[in-house]
C-alpha atoms as a PDB file:
ATOM      1  CA  MET A   1     -45.222   1.265 -72.620  1.00  0.00           C
ATOM      2  CA  LYS A   2     -47.604  -0.386 -75.097  1.00  0.00           C
ATOM      3  CA  HIS A   3     -46.709  -3.767 -73.594  1.00  0.00           C
ATOM      4  CA  ILE A   4     -47.524  -2.517 -70.123  1.00  0.00           C
ATOM      5  CA  LEU A   5     -50.873  -1.134 -71.255  1.00  0.00           C
ATOM      6  CA  PHE A   6     -51.659  -4.408 -73.044  1.00  0.00           C
ATOM      7  CA  ILE A   7     -50.861  -6.472 -69.956  1.00  0.00           C
ATOM      8  CA  ALA A   8     -52.966  -4.173 -67.757  1.00  0.00           C
ATOM      9  CA  THR A   9     -55.859  -4.366 -70.197  1.00  0.00           C
ATOM     10  CA  LEU A  10     -55.555  -8.146 -70.395  1.00  0.00           C
ATOM     11  CA  ALA A  11     -55.461  -8.434 -66.608  1.00  0.00           C
ATOM     12  CA  GLY A  12     -58.560  -6.284 -66.338  1.00  0.00           C
ATOM     13  CA  ALA A  13     -60.349  -8.409 -68.893  1.00  0.00           C
ATOM     14  CA  VAL A  14     -59.467 -11.582 -67.015  1.00  0.00           C
ATOM     15  CA  LEU A  15     -60.607 -10.180 -63.670  1.00  0.00           C
ATOM     16  CA  THR A  16     -63.902  -9.029 -65.122  1.00  0.00           C
ATOM     17  CA  SER A  17     -64.500 -12.030 -67.337  1.00  0.00           C
ATOM     18  CA  PRO A  18     -67.991 -13.560 -67.042  1.00  0.00           C
ATOM     19  CA  HIS A  19     -66.566 -16.965 -66.131  1.00  0.00           C
ATOM     20  CA  LEU A  20     -64.536 -15.571 -63.234  1.00  0.00           C
ATOM     21  CA  ILE A  21     -67.430 -13.473 -61.958  1.00  0.00           C
ATOM     22  CA  GLN A  22     -69.721 -16.494 -62.157  1.00  0.00           C
ATOM     23  CA  ALA A  23     -67.188 -18.628 -60.260  1.00  0.00           C
ATOM     24  CA  GLN A  24     -66.928 -15.997 -57.533  1.00  0.00           C
ATOM     25  CA  THR A  25     -70.717 -15.770 -57.343  1.00  0.00           C
ATOM     26  CA  ASN A  26     -71.040 -19.553 -57.092  1.00  0.00           C
ATOM     27  CA  THR A  27     -68.466 -19.629 -54.292  1.00  0.00           C
ATOM     28  CA  ALA A  28     -70.308 -16.897 -52.400  1.00  0.00           C
ATOM     29  CA  ASP A  29     -73.628 -18.659 -52.919  1.00  0.00           C
ATOM     30  CA  ALA A  30     -72.190 -21.944 -51.666  1.00  0.00           C
ATOM     31  CA  ALA A  31     -70.839 -20.226 -48.557  1.00  0.00           C
ATOM     32  CA  THR A  32     -74.225 -18.633 -47.891  1.00  0.00           C
ATOM     33  CA  VAL A  33     -75.990 -21.969 -48.312  1.00  0.00           C
ATOM     34  CA  ALA A  34     -73.537 -23.626 -45.893  1.00  0.00           C
ATOM     35  CA  ILE A  35     -74.097 -20.907 -43.290  1.00  0.00           C
ATOM     36  CA  ASP A  36     -77.875 -21.129 -43.679  1.00  0.00           C
ATOM     37  CA  ARG A  37     -77.752 -24.921 -43.408  1.00  0.00           C
ATOM     38  CA  GLU A  38     -75.652 -24.699 -40.233  1.00  0.00           C
ATOM     39  CA  LYS A  39     -78.046 -22.167 -38.673  1.00  0.00           C
ATOM     40  CA  ALA A  40     -80.999 -24.380 -39.563  1.00  0.00           C
ATOM     41  CA  SER A  41     -79.294 -27.379 -37.954  1.00  0.00           C
ATOM     42  CA  VAL A  42     -78.545 -25.420 -34.775  1.00  0.00           C
ATOM     43  CA  GLU A  43     -82.102 -24.078 -34.734  1.00  0.00           C
ATOM     44  CA  LYS A  44     -83.510 -27.608 -35.037  1.00  0.00           C
ATOM     45  CA  GLN A  45     -81.458 -28.832 -32.081  1.00  0.00           C
ATOM     46  CA  ALA A  46     -82.357 -25.803 -29.964  1.00  0.00           C
ATOM     47  CA  ARG A  47     -86.057 -26.237 -30.747  1.00  0.00           C
ATOM     48  CA  GLN A  48     -86.023 -29.955 -29.903  1.00  0.00           C
ATOM     49  CA  LEU A  49     -84.277 -29.328 -26.591  1.00  0.00           C
ATOM     50  CA  SER A  50     -86.629 -26.469 -25.733  1.00  0.00           C
ATOM     51  CA  GLU A  51     -89.677 -28.607 -26.526  1.00  0.00           C
ATOM     52  CA  ALA A  52     -88.441 -31.262 -24.090  1.00  0.00           C
ATOM     53  CA  ILE A  53     -89.642 -29.143 -21.164  1.00  0.00           C
ATOM     54  CA  GLN A  54     -92.895 -27.896 -22.764  1.00  0.00           C
ATOM     55  CA  LEU A  55     -92.942 -24.407 -21.261  1.00  0.00           C
ATOM     56  CA  THR A  56     -96.323 -22.675 -21.335  1.00  0.00           C
ATOM     57  CA  ASP A  57     -94.845 -19.214 -20.677  1.00  0.00           C
ATOM     58  CA  ALA A  58     -94.079 -17.863 -24.166  1.00  0.00           C
ATOM     59  CA  GLY A  59     -91.621 -15.251 -22.902  1.00  0.00           C
ATOM     60  CA  LYS A  60     -89.656 -17.745 -20.829  1.00  0.00           C
ATOM     61  CA  SER A  61     -89.740 -20.282 -23.653  1.00  0.00           C
ATOM     62  CA  ALA A  62     -88.223 -17.722 -26.047  1.00  0.00           C
ATOM     63  CA  LYS A  63     -85.433 -16.920 -23.582  1.00  0.00           C
ATOM     64  CA  VAL A  64     -84.630 -20.600 -23.056  1.00  0.00           C
ATOM     65  CA  HIS A  65     -84.588 -21.124 -26.812  1.00  0.00           C
ATOM     66  CA  ASP A  66     -82.140 -18.226 -27.233  1.00  0.00           C
ATOM     67  CA  ILE A  67     -79.835 -19.654 -24.537  1.00  0.00           C
ATOM     68  CA  LEU A  68     -79.879 -23.067 -26.192  1.00  0.00           C
ATOM     69  CA  PHE A  69     -79.301 -21.605 -29.654  1.00  0.00           C
ATOM     70  CA  ALA A  70     -76.361 -19.420 -28.568  1.00  0.00           C
ATOM     71  CA  HIS A  71     -74.776 -22.229 -26.559  1.00  0.00           C
ATOM     72  CA  TYR A  72     -75.083 -24.728 -29.368  1.00  0.00           C
ATOM     73  CA  GLN A  73     -73.500 -22.303 -31.826  1.00  0.00           C
ATOM     74  CA  THR A  74     -70.568 -21.895 -29.433  1.00  0.00           C
ATOM     75  CA  LEU A  75     -70.367 -25.659 -28.966  1.00  0.00           C
ATOM     76  CA  ARG A  76     -70.320 -26.307 -32.714  1.00  0.00           C
ATOM     77  CA  ALA A  77     -67.542 -23.751 -33.245  1.00  0.00           C
ATOM     78  CA  TRP A  78     -65.490 -25.261 -30.405  1.00  0.00           C
ATOM     79  CA  HIS A  79     -65.880 -28.770 -31.805  1.00  0.00           C
ATOM     80  CA  ALA A  80     -64.890 -27.609 -35.277  1.00  0.00           C
ATOM     81  CA  ALA A  81     -61.587 -26.506 -33.785  1.00  0.00           C
ATOM     82  CA  ASN A  82     -61.020 -29.536 -31.538  1.00  0.00           C
ATOM     83  CA  ASP A  83     -62.730 -32.611 -33.022  1.00  0.00           C
ATOM     84  CA  ALA A  84     -59.709 -33.799 -34.986  1.00  0.00           C
ATOM     85  CA  GLN A  85     -57.682 -34.217 -31.792  1.00  0.00           C
ATOM     86  CA  ILE A  86     -60.645 -35.539 -29.825  1.00  0.00           C
ATOM     87  CA  ARG A  87     -61.286 -38.250 -32.426  1.00  0.00           C
ATOM     88  CA  GLU A  88     -57.630 -39.227 -32.410  1.00  0.00           C
ATOM     89  CA  ASP A  89     -57.606 -39.575 -28.611  1.00  0.00           C
ATOM     90  CA  TRP A  90     -60.826 -41.634 -28.565  1.00  0.00           C
ATOM     91  CA  THR A  91     -59.277 -43.908 -31.192  1.00  0.00           C
ATOM     92  CA  SER A  92     -56.217 -44.318 -28.967  1.00  0.00           C
ATOM     93  CA  PHE A  93     -58.494 -45.111 -26.041  1.00  0.00           C
ATOM     94  CA  ASN A  94     -60.402 -47.790 -27.960  1.00  0.00           C
ATOM     95  CA  LYS A  95     -57.188 -49.396 -29.222  1.00  0.00           C
ATOM     96  CA  ALA A  96     -55.754 -49.458 -25.707  1.00  0.00           C
ATOM     97  CA  ARG A  97     -58.947 -50.982 -24.302  1.00  0.00           C
ATOM     98  CA  SER A  98     -58.918 -53.672 -26.997  1.00  0.00           C
ATOM     99  CA  ALA A  99     -55.310 -54.461 -26.102  1.00  0.00           C
ATOM    100  CA  LYS A 100     -56.235 -54.460 -22.382  1.00  0.00           C
ATOM    101  CA  ASN A 101     -53.649 -51.717 -21.851  1.00  0.00           C
ATOM    102  CA  VAL A 102     -55.146 -49.844 -18.898  1.00  0.00           C
ATOM    103  CA  ALA A 103     -52.313 -47.315 -18.622  1.00  0.00           C
ATOM    104  CA  ASP A 104     -52.605 -46.180 -22.243  1.00  0.00           C
ATOM    105  CA  ALA A 105     -56.412 -46.132 -22.039  1.00  0.00           C
ATOM    106  CA  ASN A 106     -56.273 -43.878 -18.990  1.00  0.00           C
ATOM    107  CA  ALA A 107     -53.677 -41.674 -20.673  1.00  0.00           C
ATOM    108  CA  ALA A 108     -56.000 -41.197 -23.645  1.00  0.00           C
ATOM    109  CA  LEU A 109     -58.884 -40.291 -21.318  1.00  0.00           C
ATOM    110  CA  ASP A 110     -56.644 -37.778 -19.541  1.00  0.00           C
ATOM    111  CA  LYS A 111     -55.893 -36.113 -22.884  1.00  0.00           C
ATOM    112  CA  ILE A 112     -59.606 -35.944 -23.715  1.00  0.00           C
ATOM    113  CA  SER A 113     -60.366 -34.435 -20.306  1.00  0.00           C
ATOM    114  CA  ALA A 114     -57.615 -31.848 -20.816  1.00  0.00           C
ATOM    115  CA  ILE A 115     -59.146 -30.765 -24.120  1.00  0.00           C
ATOM    116  CA  TYR A 116     -62.642 -30.508 -22.673  1.00  0.00           C
ATOM    117  CA  ALA A 117     -61.354 -28.519 -19.711  1.00  0.00           C
ATOM    118  CA  GLY A 118     -61.079 -25.598 -22.112  1.00  0.00           C
ATOM    119  CA  PHE A 119     -64.841 -25.705 -22.657  1.00  0.00           C
ATOM    120  CA  GLN A 120     -65.790 -25.746 -18.967  1.00  0.00           C
ATOM    121  CA  PRO A 121     -66.334 -21.976 -18.614  1.00  0.00           C
ATOM    122  CA  GLU A 122     -68.991 -22.135 -21.365  1.00  0.00           C
ATOM    123  CA  HIS A 123     -70.442 -25.346 -19.854  1.00  0.00           C
ATOM    124  CA  LYS A 124     -70.876 -23.673 -16.471  1.00  0.00           C
ATOM    125  CA  LYS A 125     -72.233 -20.457 -17.974  1.00  0.00           C
ATOM    126  CA  PHE A 126     -74.783 -22.402 -20.016  1.00  0.00           C
ATOM    127  CA  LEU A 127     -76.150 -24.248 -16.978  1.00  0.00           C
ATOM    128  CA  ALA A 128     -76.099 -21.072 -14.867  1.00  0.00           C
ATOM    129  CA  ASP A 129     -78.076 -19.213 -17.543  1.00  0.00           C
ATOM    130  CA  LEU A 130     -80.649 -22.015 -17.680  1.00  0.00           C
ATOM    131  CA  GLY A 131     -80.777 -21.977 -13.885  1.00  0.00           C
ATOM    132  CA  THR A 132     -82.108 -18.425 -13.893  1.00  0.00           C
ATOM    133  CA  LEU A 133     -85.178 -19.573 -15.830  1.00  0.00           C
ATOM    134  CA  LEU A 134     -85.726 -23.262 -15.149  1.00  0.00           C
ATOM    135  CA  THR A 135     -86.159 -25.643 -12.233  1.00  0.00           C
ATOM    136  CA  PRO A 136     -83.533 -28.342 -11.561  1.00  0.00           C
ATOM    137  CA  GLU A 137     -86.009 -30.917 -12.888  1.00  0.00           C
ATOM    138  CA  GLN A 138     -86.421 -29.008 -16.151  1.00  0.00           C
ATOM    139  CA  ILE A 139     -82.652 -28.743 -16.569  1.00  0.00           C
ATOM    140  CA  GLU A 140     -82.436 -32.491 -15.952  1.00  0.00           C
ATOM    141  CA  ALA A 141     -84.975 -33.006 -18.747  1.00  0.00           C
ATOM    142  CA  ILE A 142     -82.840 -30.964 -21.153  1.00  0.00           C
ATOM    143  CA  LYS A 143     -79.722 -32.926 -20.177  1.00  0.00           C
ATOM    144  CA  ASP A 144     -81.556 -36.203 -20.785  1.00  0.00           C
ATOM    145  CA  LYS A 145     -82.863 -35.027 -24.150  1.00  0.00           C
ATOM    146  CA  TRP A 146     -79.390 -33.849 -25.168  1.00  0.00           C
ATOM    147  CA  THR A 147     -77.849 -37.208 -24.288  1.00  0.00           C
ATOM    148  CA  ILE A 148     -80.665 -39.296 -25.832  1.00  0.00           C
ATOM    149  CA  ASN A 149     -81.880 -40.612 -22.459  1.00  0.00           C
ATOM    150  CA  LYS A 150     -78.696 -42.611 -21.924  1.00  0.00           C
ATOM    151  CA  VAL A 151     -78.944 -42.389 -18.131  1.00  0.00           C
ATOM    152  CA  LYS A 152     -82.390 -43.993 -17.958  1.00  0.00           C
ATOM    153  CA  VAL A 153     -81.715 -46.605 -20.651  1.00  0.00           C
ATOM    154  CA  THR A 154     -78.346 -47.659 -19.214  1.00  0.00           C
ATOM    155  CA  TYR A 155     -79.553 -47.636 -15.605  1.00  0.00           C
ATOM    156  CA  ASN A 156     -82.540 -49.843 -16.436  1.00  0.00           C
ATOM    157  CA  ALA A 157     -80.198 -52.245 -18.249  1.00  0.00           C
ATOM    158  CA  TYR A 158     -78.019 -52.463 -15.123  1.00  0.00           C
ATOM    159  CA  LEU A 159     -81.066 -53.308 -13.013  1.00  0.00           C
ATOM    160  CA  GLU A 160     -81.886 -56.163 -15.390  1.00  0.00           C
ATOM    161  CA  ILE A 161     -78.357 -57.543 -15.673  1.00  0.00           C
ATOM    162  CA  PHE A 162     -77.550 -57.085 -11.967  1.00  0.00           C
ATOM    163  CA  PRO A 163     -80.901 -57.738 -10.210  1.00  0.00           C
ATOM    164  CA  ASN A 164     -79.285 -58.210  -6.790  1.00  0.00           C
ATOM    165  CA  LEU A 165     -77.843 -54.724  -6.449  1.00  0.00           C
ATOM    166  CA  THR A 166     -78.540 -53.110  -3.097  1.00  0.00           C
ATOM    167  CA  GLU A 167     -80.082 -49.646  -2.881  1.00  0.00           C
ATOM    168  CA  PRO A 168     -76.711 -48.010  -2.016  1.00  0.00           C
ATOM    169  CA  GLN A 169     -75.110 -49.816  -4.975  1.00  0.00           C
ATOM    170  CA  LYS A 170     -77.901 -48.651  -7.284  1.00  0.00           C
ATOM    171  CA  ALA A 171     -77.304 -45.087  -6.085  1.00  0.00           C
ATOM    172  CA  VAL A 172     -73.598 -45.293  -6.976  1.00  0.00           C
ATOM    173  CA  VAL A 173     -74.395 -46.685 -10.422  1.00  0.00           C
ATOM    174  CA  LEU A 174     -76.942 -43.935 -11.059  1.00  0.00           C
ATOM    175  CA  GLN A 175     -74.566 -41.192  -9.928  1.00  0.00           C
ATOM    176  CA  ASN A 176     -71.821 -42.484 -12.222  1.00  0.00           C
ATOM    177  CA  LEU A 177     -74.245 -42.463 -15.151  1.00  0.00           C
ATOM    178  CA  LYS A 178     -75.235 -38.890 -14.329  1.00  0.00           C
ATOM    179  CA  ASP A 179     -71.548 -37.967 -14.247  1.00  0.00           C
ATOM    180  CA  ALA A 180     -71.244 -39.503 -17.711  1.00  0.00           C
ATOM    181  CA  ARG A 181     -74.207 -37.420 -18.842  1.00  0.00           C
ATOM    182  CA  GLU A 182     -72.575 -34.260 -17.520  1.00  0.00           C
ATOM    183  CA  GLU A 183     -69.471 -34.865 -19.627  1.00  0.00           C
ATOM    184  CA  ALA A 184     -71.496 -35.997 -22.641  1.00  0.00           C
ATOM    185  CA  LEU A 185     -73.429 -32.732 -22.443  1.00  0.00           C
ATOM    186  CA  ASP A 186     -70.445 -31.105 -24.153  1.00  0.00           C
ATOM    187  CA  CYS A 187     -70.637 -33.465 -27.140  1.00  0.00           C
ATOM    188  CA  ASP A 188     -71.829 -32.170 -30.470  1.00  0.00           C
ATOM    189  CA  ARG A 189     -75.107 -34.012 -31.062  1.00  0.00           C
ATOM    190  CA  LYS A 190     -74.488 -33.679 -34.806  1.00  0.00           C
ATOM    191  CA  SER A 191     -71.972 -36.516 -34.460  1.00  0.00           C
ATOM    192  CA  LEU A 192     -74.780 -38.939 -33.574  1.00  0.00           C
ATOM    193  CA  GLY A 193     -75.312 -39.599 -37.264  1.00  0.00           C
ATOM    194  CA  ASN A 194     -71.772 -40.893 -37.542  1.00  0.00           C
ATOM    195  CA  LYS A 195     -71.653 -44.317 -35.907  1.00  0.00           C
ATOM    196  CA  SER A 196     -67.857 -44.282 -35.903  1.00  0.00           C
ATOM    197  CA  PHE A 197     -67.881 -41.227 -33.651  1.00  0.00           C
ATOM    198  CA  ASP A 198     -70.834 -41.451 -31.297  1.00  0.00           C
ATOM    199  CA  GLU A 199     -69.110 -39.552 -28.528  1.00  0.00           C
ATOM    200  CA  ILE A 200     -72.067 -39.577 -26.162  1.00  0.00           C
ATOM    201  CA  SER A 201     -71.838 -43.383 -26.044  1.00  0.00           C
ATOM    202  CA  ALA A 202     -68.067 -43.100 -25.637  1.00  0.00           C
ATOM    203  CA  PHE A 203     -68.441 -41.048 -22.465  1.00  0.00           C
ATOM    204  CA  PHE A 204     -70.960 -43.524 -21.073  1.00  0.00           C
ATOM    205  CA  LYS A 205     -68.542 -46.342 -21.908  1.00  0.00           C
ATOM    206  CA  LYS A 206     -65.905 -44.504 -19.870  1.00  0.00           C
ATOM    207  CA  TYR A 207     -68.179 -44.526 -16.822  1.00  0.00           C
ATOM    208  CA  LYS A 208     -69.433 -48.069 -17.360  1.00  0.00           C
ATOM    209  CA  ILE A 209     -65.790 -49.106 -17.086  1.00  0.00           C
ATOM    210  CA  LYS A 210     -65.532 -47.197 -13.801  1.00  0.00           C
ATOM    211  CA  ILE A 211     -68.671 -48.922 -12.535  1.00  0.00           C
ATOM    212  CA  GLU A 212     -67.783 -52.460 -13.567  1.00  0.00           C
ATOM    213  CA  ASP A 213     -63.970 -52.559 -13.422  1.00  0.00           C
ATOM    214  CA  GLU A 214     -63.593 -50.475 -10.289  1.00  0.00           C
ATOM    215  CA  TYR A 215     -66.737 -50.186  -8.171  1.00  0.00           C
ATOM    216  CA  PHE A 216     -68.212 -53.638  -8.817  1.00  0.00           C
ATOM    217  CA  VAL A 217     -64.831 -55.307  -8.300  1.00  0.00           C
ATOM    218  CA  ALA A 218     -64.483 -53.515  -4.950  1.00  0.00           C
ATOM    219  CA  GLN A 219     -68.016 -54.691  -4.078  1.00  0.00           C
ATOM    220  CA  GLY A 220     -67.217 -58.304  -4.962  1.00  0.00           C
ATOM    221  CA  ILE A 221     -69.551 -58.298  -7.963  1.00  0.00           C
ATOM    222  CA  ASP A 222     -68.432 -60.360 -10.961  1.00  0.00           C
ATOM    223  CA  ALA A 223     -69.669 -58.247 -13.869  1.00  0.00           C
ATOM    224  CA  GLN A 224     -68.536 -60.675 -16.563  1.00  0.00           C
ATOM    225  CA  LYS A 225     -70.375 -63.594 -14.935  1.00  0.00           C
ATOM    226  CA  ALA A 226     -73.511 -61.496 -14.435  1.00  0.00           C
ATOM    227  CA  ARG A 227     -73.523 -60.473 -18.103  1.00  0.00           C
ATOM    228  CA  LYS A 228     -72.955 -64.086 -19.186  1.00  0.00           C
ATOM    229  CA  ASP A 229     -75.796 -65.316 -16.966  1.00  0.00           C
ATOM    230  CA  PHE A 230     -78.086 -62.596 -18.302  1.00  0.00           C
ATOM    231  CA  ALA A 231     -77.269 -63.475 -21.926  1.00  0.00           C
ATOM    232  CA  GLU A 232     -77.984 -67.155 -21.257  1.00  0.00           C
ATOM    233  CA  LYS A 233     -81.271 -66.284 -19.547  1.00  0.00           C
ATOM    234  CA  GLN A 234     -82.312 -64.141 -22.532  1.00  0.00           C
ATOM    235  CA  LYS A 235     -81.426 -67.001 -24.867  1.00  0.00           C
ATOM    236  CA  ALA A 236     -83.437 -69.483 -22.804  1.00  0.00           C
ATOM    237  CA  ASP A 237     -86.424 -67.123 -22.604  1.00  0.00           C
ATOM    238  CA  LYS A 238     -86.335 -66.618 -26.351  1.00  0.00           C
ATOM    239  CA  ALA A 239     -86.213 -70.382 -26.941  1.00  0.00           C
ATOM    240  CA  ALA A 240     -89.122 -70.921 -24.545  1.00  0.00           C
ATOM    241  CA  LYS A 241     -91.230 -68.287 -26.307  1.00  0.00           C
ATOM    242  CA  SER A 242     -90.359 -69.750 -29.680  1.00  0.00           C
ATOM    243  CA  GLY A 243     -91.343 -73.231 -28.509  1.00  0.00           C
ATOM    244  CA  GLY A 244     -94.601 -71.929 -27.097  1.00  0.00           C
ATOM    245  CA  ALA A 245     -95.431 -70.189 -30.343  1.00  0.00           C
ATOM    246  CA  GLU A 246     -94.819 -73.410 -32.337  1.00  0.00           C
ATOM    247  CA  LYS A 247     -97.148 -75.388 -30.032  1.00  0.00           C
ATOM    248  CA  ALA A 248     -99.816 -72.733 -30.386  1.00  0.00           C
ATOM    249  CA  GLU A 249     -99.640 -72.971 -34.174  1.00  0.00           C
ATOM    250  CA  LYS A 250    -100.080 -76.764 -34.052  1.00  0.00           C
END
């Protein structure tokens, strides 16, 4: 009996020891800090996206902010559960593309699409909620802000590299880039800081492949030659500017 009482007393002393209590407190504090940091990060993204449309109606602005905040929290939680598999499939895609293995590259994209299909109900709800408050143009502005203006930047690059595109061809290119933006809208913008996993760019790469390897080929446009010609033109222009600057100095 004395042994039992001694063990119970010892156990109680261990459980209430200052070191253990301090360790538990530190763990709780760390968890609180992590939660606060996550909320602050989500808040920052929601605020930046809301500011992209510069609403003057304070009530409407607050509602849009709340929609963005709630959606981004949901998005972050979904990515926390799925990013490991998503990263693996993008890695498989990149390896297959490097090896010029179209079948395996497409298989990897199919797997990525299957994962993201599970997020589509939230994607649609998010846009529908914004649609009750904003114009289509304002929603477009949020999409562009979310995807770091990839549509405009990439489209303008295409116009430079392929200056002879017809208006119908330009329209197809632009629509494909907007389709890329729609998929990239479900990316976690937090990943932008990690250059090895810039998923927004990955989705645009997917559609650039569709444009150049499928649509341009069907249109008789040699994308590789056009890019080579553009690179040589840039090189020549740079050399000409450099030569002009040297003459000016003399």
